[in-house]
Amino acid sequence: MTHWWEYFRDGRPDQQFISVLHATADFLASDPEIRVLTFDDVVDSRILLS
């Protein structure tokens, strides 16, 4: 979880932080063993967790 102010430290975009988040998202999206879930899916029991 991140907060909006982490993206704009001192009123300017924190490009290094944003780049790390993009790299993390690319990794998660490219790994077939990782599945991203929404909180709604878990709450509504549409996803079984083990």
N, C-alpha and C. Protein backbone atom coordinates (compact mmCIF):
# COMPACT_ATOMS: atom_id res chain seq x y z
N MET A 1 0.84 -1.16 0.00
CA MET A 1 0.00 0.00 0.00
C MET A 1 0.90 1.23 0.00
N THR A 2 0.52 2.18 -0.80
CA THR A 2 1.21 3.46 -0.79
C THR A 2 0.18 4.57 -0.66
N HIS A 3 0.65 5.73 -0.37
CA HIS A 3 -0.22 6.90 -0.21
C HIS A 3 0.18 7.95 -1.22
N TRP A 4 -0.75 8.77 -1.61
CA TRP A 4 -0.52 9.74 -2.68
C TRP A 4 0.68 10.64 -2.40
N TRP A 5 0.91 10.99 -1.13
CA TRP A 5 2.01 11.92 -0.84
C TRP A 5 3.38 11.28 -1.06
N GLU A 6 3.44 9.95 -1.08
CA GLU A 6 4.71 9.29 -1.35
C GLU A 6 5.14 9.48 -2.81
N TYR A 7 4.19 9.70 -3.68
CA TYR A 7 4.49 9.91 -5.10
C TYR A 7 4.99 11.32 -5.36
N PHE A 8 4.66 12.27 -4.50
CA PHE A 8 4.99 13.68 -4.71
C PHE A 8 5.65 14.26 -3.47
N ARG A 9 6.84 13.79 -3.16
CA ARG A 9 7.59 14.32 -2.02
C ARG A 9 8.03 15.74 -2.34
N ASP A 10 7.87 16.61 -1.40
CA ASP A 10 8.25 18.02 -1.57
C ASP A 10 7.52 18.67 -2.74
N GLY A 11 6.33 18.18 -3.09
CA GLY A 11 5.54 18.77 -4.15
C GLY A 11 5.98 18.42 -5.55
N ARG A 12 6.98 17.53 -5.67
CA ARG A 12 7.47 17.10 -6.99
C ARG A 12 7.34 15.59 -7.10
N PRO A 13 7.11 15.08 -8.32
CA PRO A 13 7.05 13.62 -8.47
C PRO A 13 8.36 12.97 -8.04
N ASP A 14 8.26 11.91 -7.25
CA ASP A 14 9.43 11.15 -6.83
C ASP A 14 9.65 10.06 -7.90
N GLN A 15 10.42 10.39 -8.92
CA GLN A 15 10.58 9.50 -10.07
C GLN A 15 11.22 8.17 -9.69
N GLN A 16 12.15 8.18 -8.76
CA GLN A 16 12.79 6.93 -8.34
C GLN A 16 11.77 6.01 -7.69
N PHE A 17 10.94 6.54 -6.80
CA PHE A 17 9.90 5.75 -6.13
C PHE A 17 8.89 5.22 -7.15
N ILE A 18 8.47 6.07 -8.07
CA ILE A 18 7.50 5.67 -9.09
C ILE A 18 8.10 4.57 -9.97
N SER A 19 9.37 4.67 -10.31
CA SER A 19 10.03 3.65 -11.13
C SER A 19 10.07 2.30 -10.43
N VAL A 20 10.33 2.32 -9.12
CA VAL A 20 10.34 1.06 -8.36
C VAL A 20 8.95 0.44 -8.36
N LEU A 21 7.92 1.24 -8.20
CA LEU A 21 6.55 0.71 -8.23
C LEU A 21 6.21 0.11 -9.59
N HIS A 22 6.64 0.77 -10.66
CA HIS A 22 6.39 0.24 -12.00
C HIS A 22 7.13 -1.09 -12.21
N ALA A 23 8.38 -1.16 -11.74
CA ALA A 23 9.14 -2.41 -11.86
C ALA A 23 8.47 -3.53 -11.06
N THR A 24 7.96 -3.22 -9.89
CA THR A 24 7.26 -4.21 -9.07
C THR A 24 6.00 -4.70 -9.78
N ALA A 25 5.24 -3.78 -10.34
CA ALA A 25 4.02 -4.15 -11.06
C ALA A 25 4.36 -5.02 -12.27
N ASP A 26 5.42 -4.68 -13.00
CA ASP A 26 5.84 -5.49 -14.16
C ASP A 26 6.20 -6.90 -13.73
N PHE A 27 6.94 -7.02 -12.62
CA PHE A 27 7.30 -8.34 -12.11
C PHE A 27 6.06 -9.15 -11.75
N LEU A 28 5.16 -8.55 -11.00
CA LEU A 28 3.94 -9.25 -10.58
C LEU A 28 3.10 -9.68 -11.78
N ALA A 29 3.01 -8.82 -12.77
CA ALA A 29 2.20 -9.13 -13.95
C ALA A 29 2.83 -10.22 -14.81
N SER A 30 4.14 -10.35 -14.77
CA SER A 30 4.81 -11.31 -15.65
C SER A 30 4.99 -12.69 -15.04
N ASP A 31 4.80 -12.84 -13.75
CA ASP A 31 4.99 -14.13 -13.09
C ASP A 31 3.69 -14.92 -13.09
N PRO A 32 3.64 -16.03 -13.81
CA PRO A 32 2.38 -16.80 -13.88
C PRO A 32 1.98 -17.44 -12.55
N GLU A 33 2.90 -17.52 -11.60
CA GLU A 33 2.60 -18.11 -10.30
C GLU A 33 1.93 -17.12 -9.35
N ILE A 34 1.90 -15.83 -9.73
CA ILE A 34 1.35 -14.80 -8.86
C ILE A 34 -0.01 -14.37 -9.40
N ARG A 35 -0.96 -14.29 -8.51
CA ARG A 35 -2.31 -13.87 -8.88
C ARG A 35 -2.71 -12.68 -8.01
N VAL A 36 -3.11 -11.61 -8.66
CA VAL A 36 -3.53 -10.42 -7.93
C VAL A 36 -5.03 -10.49 -7.70
N LEU A 37 -5.44 -10.29 -6.45
CA LEU A 37 -6.85 -10.38 -6.07
C LEU A 37 -7.34 -9.04 -5.58
N THR A 38 -8.64 -8.82 -5.72
CA THR A 38 -9.24 -7.63 -5.12
C THR A 38 -9.78 -8.00 -3.74
N PHE A 39 -9.91 -7.01 -2.89
CA PHE A 39 -10.51 -7.24 -1.59
C PHE A 39 -11.94 -7.72 -1.76
N ASP A 40 -12.66 -7.17 -2.73
CA ASP A 40 -14.05 -7.58 -2.96
C ASP A 40 -14.13 -9.07 -3.30
N ASP A 41 -13.21 -9.57 -4.11
CA ASP A 41 -13.22 -11.00 -4.44
C ASP A 41 -13.06 -11.86 -3.19
N VAL A 42 -12.19 -11.44 -2.29
CA VAL A 42 -11.97 -12.21 -1.07
C VAL A 42 -13.19 -12.11 -0.15
N VAL A 43 -13.71 -10.91 0.04
CA VAL A 43 -14.87 -10.70 0.92
C VAL A 43 -16.08 -11.46 0.40
N ASP A 44 -16.29 -11.44 -0.90
CA ASP A 44 -17.46 -12.10 -1.50
C ASP A 44 -17.23 -13.59 -1.70
N SER A 45 -16.09 -14.12 -1.24
CA SER A 45 -15.74 -15.55 -1.32
C SER A 45 -15.68 -16.06 -2.74
N ARG A 46 -15.36 -15.18 -3.68
CA ARG A 46 -15.19 -15.64 -5.07
C ARG A 46 -13.83 -16.29 -5.27
N ILE A 47 -12.96 -16.11 -4.30
CA ILE A 47 -11.61 -16.66 -4.37
C ILE A 47 -11.39 -17.53 -3.15
N LEU A 48 -10.94 -18.76 -3.37
CA LEU A 48 -10.62 -19.64 -2.24
C LEU A 48 -9.17 -19.40 -1.84
N LEU A 49 -8.95 -19.16 -0.57
CA LEU A 49 -7.60 -18.99 -0.06
C LEU A 49 -7.22 -20.21 0.72
N SER A 50 -5.98 -20.64 0.56
CA SER A 50 -5.54 -21.82 1.31
C SER A 50 -4.53 -21.46 2.35
